[in-house]
Structures are given as structure tokens and as C-alpha cells.
Amino acid sequence: MELRKGDLIHIPQGVFLVTEGGTVCLTTKRPRTAIFLSSEGRGCGSTVFLDGEEFMVRTDHVYILKETEIKQNVS
């Protein structure tokens, strides 16, 4: 399934995130939900919005949340 801008995505624990320019690098300590913004033409990197910041993450490390999963995770 192709990711589109605005899709809710799942980022597993232990995924490496980098800000544009590489100024902030961190690893997710728990699974996270983020918003997909865009992907590079080569498909190896995606820009996501998480905790009020934009991060680059490897595209093969993020997964789209299906509607049934979204309903179960919203309280």
C-alpha cells in the first residue's frame, strides 16, 4: 500500500529518526504513531511529523495504520 501525505503511520520501537540537517538523532523507545508527510524519490527515506517536529526515517521502517487499528488505539 502506498503512503500518502496525512496518513497515520506506525513506527516500531528501536527505529532511528533524524531531523533535516542531522542536528537531532534519536531512537524510538516505544512504538509510536506519526503522520506521514512525504518520501524521497528513491523510496529509501520518508519525512514524518512526530511530537511537533519533522523527522526523516527509513520508509521500510514505517507502516500505515489501517482504519480498524486506528479505532482500537483511540480513547
PDB file of N, CA and C in Angstrom:
ATOM      1  N   MET A   1       0.848  -1.183   0.000  1.00  0.00           N
ATOM      2  CA  MET A   1       0.000   0.000   0.000  1.00  0.00           C
ATOM      3  C   MET A   1       0.894   1.246   0.000  1.00  0.00           C
ATOM      4  N   GLU A   2       0.547   2.191  -0.821  1.00  0.00           N
ATOM      5  CA  GLU A   2       1.340   3.406  -0.946  1.00  0.00           C
ATOM      6  C   GLU A   2       0.936   4.423   0.119  1.00  0.00           C
ATOM      7  N   LEU A   3       1.926   5.028   0.732  1.00  0.00           N
ATOM      8  CA  LEU A   3       1.666   6.055   1.743  1.00  0.00           C
ATOM      9  C   LEU A   3       1.359   7.383   1.063  1.00  0.00           C
ATOM     10  N   ARG A   4       0.390   8.109   1.625  1.00  0.00           N
ATOM     11  CA  ARG A   4       0.029   9.424   1.110  1.00  0.00           C
ATOM     12  C   ARG A   4       0.149  10.446   2.238  1.00  0.00           C
ATOM     13  N   LYS A   5       0.389  11.693   1.876  1.00  0.00           N
ATOM     14  CA  LYS A   5       0.514  12.761   2.859  1.00  0.00           C
ATOM     15  C   LYS A   5      -0.727  12.782   3.748  1.00  0.00           C
ATOM     16  N   GLY A   6      -0.490  12.805   5.076  1.00  0.00           N
ATOM     17  CA  GLY A   6      -1.574  12.834   6.041  1.00  0.00           C
ATOM     18  C   GLY A   6      -1.939  11.480   6.613  1.00  0.00           C
ATOM     19  N   ASP A   7      -1.412  10.393   6.033  1.00  0.00           N
ATOM     20  CA  ASP A   7      -1.702   9.056   6.572  1.00  0.00           C
ATOM     21  C   ASP A   7      -1.120   8.905   7.966  1.00  0.00           C
ATOM     22  N   LEU A   8      -1.863   8.233   8.842  1.00  0.00           N
ATOM     23  CA  LEU A   8      -1.320   7.868  10.147  1.00  0.00           C
ATOM     24  C   LEU A   8      -0.468   6.634   9.966  1.00  0.00           C
ATOM     25  N   ILE A   9       0.720   6.667  10.559  1.00  0.00           N
ATOM     26  CA  ILE A   9       1.641   5.546  10.410  1.00  0.00           C
ATOM     27  C   ILE A   9       2.110   5.053  11.770  1.00  0.00           C
ATOM     28  N   HIS A  10       2.538   3.806  11.791  1.00  0.00           N
ATOM     29  CA  HIS A  10       3.103   3.165  12.972  1.00  0.00           C
ATOM     30  C   HIS A  10       4.622   3.123  12.814  1.00  0.00           C
ATOM     31  N   ILE A  11       5.328   3.569  13.843  1.00  0.00           N
ATOM     32  CA  ILE A  11       6.788   3.471  13.867  1.00  0.00           C
ATOM     33  C   ILE A  11       7.136   2.542  15.032  1.00  0.00           C
ATOM     34  N   PRO A  12       7.736   1.389  14.764  1.00  0.00           N
ATOM     35  CA  PRO A  12       8.060   0.447  15.842  1.00  0.00           C
ATOM     36  C   PRO A  12       9.135   0.978  16.797  1.00  0.00           C
ATOM     37  N   GLN A  13       9.294   0.302  17.908  1.00  0.00           N
ATOM     38  CA  GLN A  13      10.356   0.606  18.858  1.00  0.00           C
ATOM     39  C   GLN A  13      11.711   0.342  18.212  1.00  0.00           C
ATOM     40  N   GLY A  14      12.687   1.181  18.531  1.00  0.00           N
ATOM     41  CA  GLY A  14      14.052   0.966  18.061  1.00  0.00           C
ATOM     42  C   GLY A  14      14.355   1.520  16.676  1.00  0.00           C
ATOM     43  N   VAL A  15      13.484   2.386  16.149  1.00  0.00           N
ATOM     44  CA  VAL A  15      13.695   2.971  14.824  1.00  0.00           C
ATOM     45  C   VAL A  15      14.459   4.295  14.975  1.00  0.00           C
ATOM     46  N   PHE A  16      15.438   4.500  14.113  1.00  0.00           N
ATOM     47  CA  PHE A  16      16.300   5.682  14.135  1.00  0.00           C
ATOM     48  C   PHE A  16      15.620   6.838  13.407  1.00  0.00           C
ATOM     49  N   LEU A  17      15.512   7.997  14.057  1.00  0.00           N
ATOM     50  CA  LEU A  17      14.908   9.205  13.489  1.00  0.00           C
ATOM     51  C   LEU A  17      15.948  10.318  13.435  1.00  0.00           C
ATOM     52  N   VAL A  18      15.939  11.102  12.358  1.00  0.00           N
ATOM     53  CA  VAL A  18      16.891  12.195  12.193  1.00  0.00           C
ATOM     54  C   VAL A  18      16.149  13.435  11.711  1.00  0.00           C
ATOM     55  N   THR A  19      16.481  14.607  12.271  1.00  0.00           N
ATOM     56  CA  THR A  19      15.902  15.851  11.768  1.00  0.00           C
ATOM     57  C   THR A  19      16.634  16.258  10.500  1.00  0.00           C
ATOM     58  N   GLU A  20      16.010  17.140   9.716  1.00  0.00           N
ATOM     59  CA  GLU A  20      16.648  17.616   8.494  1.00  0.00           C
ATOM     60  C   GLU A  20      17.955  18.305   8.869  1.00  0.00           C
ATOM     61  N   GLY A  21      18.999  17.990   8.192  1.00  0.00           N
ATOM     62  CA  GLY A  21      20.310  18.538   8.511  1.00  0.00           C
ATOM     63  C   GLY A  21      21.058  17.685   9.533  1.00  0.00           C
ATOM     64  N   GLY A  22      20.377  16.690  10.096  1.00  0.00           N
ATOM     65  CA  GLY A  22      21.032  15.780  11.021  1.00  0.00           C
ATOM     66  C   GLY A  22      21.359  16.365  12.378  1.00  0.00           C
ATOM     67  N   THR A  23      20.670  17.443  12.778  1.00  0.00           N
ATOM     68  CA  THR A  23      21.002  18.077  14.053  1.00  0.00           C
ATOM     69  C   THR A  23      20.517  17.289  15.256  1.00  0.00           C
ATOM     70  N   VAL A  24      19.389  16.576  15.113  1.00  0.00           N
ATOM     71  CA  VAL A  24      18.868  15.765  16.211  1.00  0.00           C
ATOM     72  C   VAL A  24      18.682  14.343  15.716  1.00  0.00           C
ATOM     73  N   CYS A  25      19.271  13.394  16.417  1.00  0.00           N
ATOM     74  CA  CYS A  25      19.123  11.984  16.101  1.00  0.00           C
ATOM     75  C   CYS A  25      18.623  11.274  17.350  1.00  0.00           C
ATOM     76  N   LEU A  26      17.622  10.416  17.180  1.00  0.00           N
ATOM     77  CA  LEU A  26      17.124   9.663  18.316  1.00  0.00           C
ATOM     78  C   LEU A  26      16.569   8.339  17.851  1.00  0.00           C
ATOM     79  N   THR A  27      16.352   7.443  18.808  1.00  0.00           N
ATOM     80  CA  THR A  27      15.778   6.137  18.542  1.00  0.00           C
ATOM     81  C   THR A  27      14.490   6.025  19.337  1.00  0.00           C
ATOM     82  N   THR A  28      13.433   5.516  18.710  1.00  0.00           N
ATOM     83  CA  THR A  28      12.167   5.383  19.416  1.00  0.00           C
ATOM     84  C   THR A  28      12.306   4.376  20.553  1.00  0.00           C
ATOM     85  N   LYS A  29      11.845   4.752  21.719  1.00  0.00           N
ATOM     86  CA  LYS A  29      11.938   3.888  22.896  1.00  0.00           C
ATOM     87  C   LYS A  29      10.708   3.003  23.050  1.00  0.00           C
ATOM     88  N   ARG A  30       9.647   3.339  22.299  1.00  0.00           N
ATOM     89  CA  ARG A  30       8.410   2.552  22.297  1.00  0.00           C
ATOM     90  C   ARG A  30       7.744   2.755  20.939  1.00  0.00           C
ATOM     91  N   PRO A  31       6.819   1.888  20.568  1.00  0.00           N
ATOM     92  CA  PRO A  31       6.102   2.099  19.305  1.00  0.00           C
ATOM     93  C   PRO A  31       5.396   3.451  19.319  1.00  0.00           C
ATOM     94  N   ARG A  32       5.384   4.129  18.181  1.00  0.00           N
ATOM     95  CA  ARG A  32       4.813   5.475  18.092  1.00  0.00           C
ATOM     96  C   ARG A  32       3.881   5.582  16.891  1.00  0.00           C
ATOM     97  N   THR A  33       2.950   6.511  16.978  1.00  0.00           N
ATOM     98  CA  THR A  33       2.083   6.860  15.855  1.00  0.00           C
ATOM     99  C   THR A  33       2.493   8.242  15.381  1.00  0.00           C
ATOM    100  N   ALA A  34       2.644   8.410  14.074  1.00  0.00           N
ATOM    101  CA  ALA A  34       3.065   9.686  13.495  1.00  0.00           C
ATOM    102  C   ALA A  34       2.235   9.964  12.250  1.00  0.00           C
ATOM    103  N   ILE A  35       2.457  11.120  11.646  1.00  0.00           N
ATOM    104  CA  ILE A  35       1.781  11.496  10.409  1.00  0.00           C
ATOM    105  C   ILE A  35       2.802  11.485   9.282  1.00  0.00           C
ATOM    106  N   PHE A  36       2.468  10.799   8.207  1.00  0.00           N
ATOM    107  CA  PHE A  36       3.341  10.733   7.040  1.00  0.00           C
ATOM    108  C   PHE A  36       3.243  12.043   6.264  1.00  0.00           C
ATOM    109  N   LEU A  37       4.388  12.627   5.897  1.00  0.00           N
ATOM    110  CA  LEU A  37       4.409  13.871   5.134  1.00  0.00           C
ATOM    111  C   LEU A  37       4.848  13.659   3.690  1.00  0.00           C
ATOM    112  N   SER A  38       5.965  12.963   3.463  1.00  0.00           N
ATOM    113  CA  SER A  38       6.448  12.756   2.098  1.00  0.00           C
ATOM    114  C   SER A  38       7.536  11.689   2.093  1.00  0.00           C
ATOM    115  N   SER A  39       7.891  11.266   0.872  1.00  0.00           N
ATOM    116  CA  SER A  39       9.006  10.332   0.735  1.00  0.00           C
ATOM    117  C   SER A  39       9.928  10.822  -0.363  1.00  0.00           C
ATOM    118  N   GLU A  40      11.188  10.438  -0.252  1.00  0.00           N
ATOM    119  CA  GLU A  40      12.159  10.790  -1.283  1.00  0.00           C
ATOM    120  C   GLU A  40      11.866   9.985  -2.527  1.00  0.00           C
ATOM    121  N   GLY A  41      12.302  10.483  -3.665  1.00  0.00           N
ATOM    122  CA  GLY A  41      12.071   9.817  -4.931  1.00  0.00           C
ATOM    123  C   GLY A  41      12.614   8.402  -4.990  1.00  0.00           C
ATOM    124  N   ARG A  42      13.703   8.144  -4.296  1.00  0.00           N
ATOM    125  CA  ARG A  42      14.299   6.814  -4.316  1.00  0.00           C
ATOM    126  C   ARG A  42      13.569   5.847  -3.397  1.00  0.00           C
ATOM    127  N   GLY A  43      12.670   6.350  -2.556  1.00  0.00           N
ATOM    128  CA  GLY A  43      11.883   5.477  -1.702  1.00  0.00           C
ATOM    129  C   GLY A  43      12.584   5.001  -0.448  1.00  0.00           C
ATOM    130  N   CYS A  44      13.793   5.483  -0.177  1.00  0.00           N
ATOM    131  CA  CYS A  44      14.518   4.977   0.995  1.00  0.00           C
ATOM    132  C   CYS A  44      14.281   5.814   2.241  1.00  0.00           C
ATOM    133  N   GLY A  45      13.791   7.026   2.093  1.00  0.00           N
ATOM    134  CA  GLY A  45      13.570   7.879   3.252  1.00  0.00           C
ATOM    135  C   GLY A  45      12.227   8.561   3.204  1.00  0.00           C
ATOM    136  N   SER A  46      11.621   8.720   4.376  1.00  0.00           N
ATOM    137  CA  SER A  46      10.329   9.400   4.471  1.00  0.00           C
ATOM    138  C   SER A  46      10.425  10.500   5.511  1.00  0.00           C
ATOM    139  N   THR A  47       9.631  11.537   5.313  1.00  0.00           N
ATOM    140  CA  THR A  47       9.514  12.599   6.297  1.00  0.00           C
ATOM    141  C   THR A  47       8.216  12.370   7.058  1.00  0.00           C
ATOM    142  N   VAL A  48       8.309  12.385   8.389  1.00  0.00           N
ATOM    143  CA  VAL A  48       7.141  12.177   9.241  1.00  0.00           C
ATOM    144  C   VAL A  48       7.053  13.303  10.264  1.00  0.00           C
ATOM    145  N   PHE A  49       5.853  13.514  10.786  1.00  0.00           N
ATOM    146  CA  PHE A  49       5.612  14.518  11.817  1.00  0.00           C
ATOM    147  C   PHE A  49       5.330  13.781  13.114  1.00  0.00           C
ATOM    148  N   LEU A  50       6.185  14.013  14.122  1.00  0.00           N
ATOM    149  CA  LEU A  50       6.082  13.322  15.405  1.00  0.00           C
ATOM    150  C   LEU A  50       6.457  14.287  16.515  1.00  0.00           C
ATOM    151  N   ASP A  51       5.618  14.391  17.516  1.00  0.00           N
ATOM    152  CA  ASP A  51       5.885  15.252  18.682  1.00  0.00           C
ATOM    153  C   ASP A  51       6.221  16.691  18.295  1.00  0.00           C
ATOM    154  N   GLY A  52       5.528  17.227  17.300  1.00  0.00           N
ATOM    155  CA  GLY A  52       5.712  18.616  16.907  1.00  0.00           C
ATOM    156  C   GLY A  52       6.933  18.893  16.057  1.00  0.00           C
ATOM    157  N   GLU A  53       7.616  17.854  15.586  1.00  0.00           N
ATOM    158  CA  GLU A  53       8.812  18.026  14.752  1.00  0.00           C
ATOM    159  C   GLU A  53       8.747  17.129  13.530  1.00  0.00           C
ATOM    160  N   GLU A  54       9.478  17.515  12.483  1.00  0.00           N
ATOM    161  CA  GLU A  54       9.616  16.687  11.296  1.00  0.00           C
ATOM    162  C   GLU A  54      10.894  15.866  11.414  1.00  0.00           C
ATOM    163  N   PHE A  55      10.790  14.586  11.095  1.00  0.00           N
ATOM    164  CA  PHE A  55      11.928  13.672  11.148  1.00  0.00           C
ATOM    165  C   PHE A  55      12.016  12.897   9.848  1.00  0.00           C
ATOM    166  N   MET A  56      13.232  12.493   9.499  1.00  0.00           N
ATOM    167  CA  MET A  56      13.465  11.554   8.407  1.00  0.00           C
ATOM    168  C   MET A  56      13.577  10.164   9.019  1.00  0.00           C
ATOM    169  N   VAL A  57      12.979   9.193   8.351  1.00  0.00           N
ATOM    170  CA  VAL A  57      13.007   7.808   8.806  1.00  0.00           C
ATOM    171  C   VAL A  57      13.043   6.915   7.566  1.00  0.00           C
ATOM    172  N   ARG A  58      13.644   5.751   7.692  1.00  0.00           N
ATOM    173  CA  ARG A  58      13.653   4.818   6.563  1.00  0.00           C
ATOM    174  C   ARG A  58      12.231   4.371   6.255  1.00  0.00           C
ATOM    175  N   THR A  59      11.849   4.425   4.999  1.00  0.00           N
ATOM    176  CA  THR A  59      10.493   4.091   4.587  1.00  0.00           C
ATOM    177  C   THR A  59      10.128   2.660   4.942  1.00  0.00           C
ATOM    178  N   ASP A  60      11.075   1.743   4.877  1.00  0.00           N
ATOM    179  CA  ASP A  60      10.752   0.351   5.196  1.00  0.00           C
ATOM    180  C   ASP A  60      10.618   0.106   6.706  1.00  0.00           C
ATOM    181  N   HIS A  61      10.754   1.145   7.522  1.00  0.00           N
ATOM    182  CA  HIS A  61      10.566   1.027   8.968  1.00  0.00           C
ATOM    183  C   HIS A  61       9.244   1.605   9.444  1.00  0.00           C
ATOM    184  N   VAL A  62       8.401   2.077   8.538  1.00  0.00           N
ATOM    185  CA  VAL A  62       7.099   2.632   8.924  1.00  0.00           C
ATOM    186  C   VAL A  62       5.986   1.842   8.245  1.00  0.00           C
ATOM    187  N   TYR A  63       4.843   1.789   8.908  1.00  0.00           N
ATOM    188  CA  TYR A  63       3.711   1.004   8.420  1.00  0.00           C
ATOM    189  C   TYR A  63       2.439   1.835   8.543  1.00  0.00           C
ATOM    190  N   ILE A  64       1.596   1.777   7.521  1.00  0.00           N
ATOM    191  CA  ILE A  64       0.341   2.521   7.560  1.00  0.00           C
ATOM    192  C   ILE A  64      -0.594   1.863   8.570  1.00  0.00           C
ATOM    193  N   LEU A  65      -1.320   2.682   9.327  1.00  0.00           N
ATOM    194  CA  LEU A  65      -2.315   2.166  10.256  1.00  0.00           C
ATOM    195  C   LEU A  65      -3.622   1.977   9.507  1.00  0.00           C
ATOM    196  N   LYS A  66      -4.186   0.781   9.622  1.00  0.00           N
ATOM    197  CA  LYS A  66      -5.477   0.523   8.995  1.00  0.00           C
ATOM    198  C   LYS A  66      -6.574   1.133   9.847  1.00  0.00           C
ATOM    199  N   GLU A  67      -7.721   1.389   9.246  1.00  0.00           N
ATOM    200  CA  GLU A  67      -8.819   2.048   9.955  1.00  0.00           C
ATOM    201  C   GLU A  67      -9.220   1.301  11.212  1.00  0.00           C
ATOM    202  N   THR A  68      -9.214  -0.026  11.190  1.00  0.00           N
ATOM    203  CA  THR A  68      -9.600  -0.796  12.378  1.00  0.00           C
ATOM    204  C   THR A  68      -8.586  -0.613  13.500  1.00  0.00           C
ATOM    205  N   GLU A  69      -7.301  -0.502  13.161  1.00  0.00           N
ATOM    206  CA  GLU A  69      -6.272  -0.277  14.172  1.00  0.00           C
ATOM    207  C   GLU A  69      -6.386   1.119  14.777  1.00  0.00           C
ATOM    208  N   ILE A  70      -6.748   2.112  13.959  1.00  0.00           N
ATOM    209  CA  ILE A  70      -6.888   3.465  14.441  1.00  0.00           C
ATOM    210  C   ILE A  70      -8.011   3.536  15.468  1.00  0.00           C
ATOM    211  N   LYS A  71      -9.151   2.900  15.179  1.00  0.00           N
ATOM    212  CA  LYS A  71     -10.289   2.906  16.092  1.00  0.00           C
ATOM    213  C   LYS A  71      -9.942   2.244  17.424  1.00  0.00           C
ATOM    214  N   GLN A  72      -9.144   1.192  17.410  1.00  0.00           N
ATOM    215  CA  GLN A  72      -8.776   0.482  18.626  1.00  0.00           C
ATOM    216  C   GLN A  72      -7.805   1.291  19.469  1.00  0.00           C
ATOM    217  N   ASN A  73      -6.969   2.133  18.844  1.00  0.00           N
ATOM    218  CA  ASN A  73      -5.946   2.884  19.562  1.00  0.00           C
ATOM    219  C   ASN A  73      -6.405   4.245  20.031  1.00  0.00           C
ATOM    220  N   VAL A  74      -7.594   4.682  19.641  1.00  0.00           N
ATOM    221  CA  VAL A  74      -8.097   5.992  20.046  1.00  0.00           C
ATOM    222  C   VAL A  74      -8.968   5.822  21.280  1.00  0.00           C
ATOM    223  N   SER A  75      -8.686   6.636  22.303  1.00  0.00           N
ATOM    224  CA  SER A  75      -9.513   6.537  23.517  1.00  0.00           C
ATOM    225  C   SER A  75     -10.213   7.831  23.796  1.00  0.00           C
TER     226      SER A  75
END
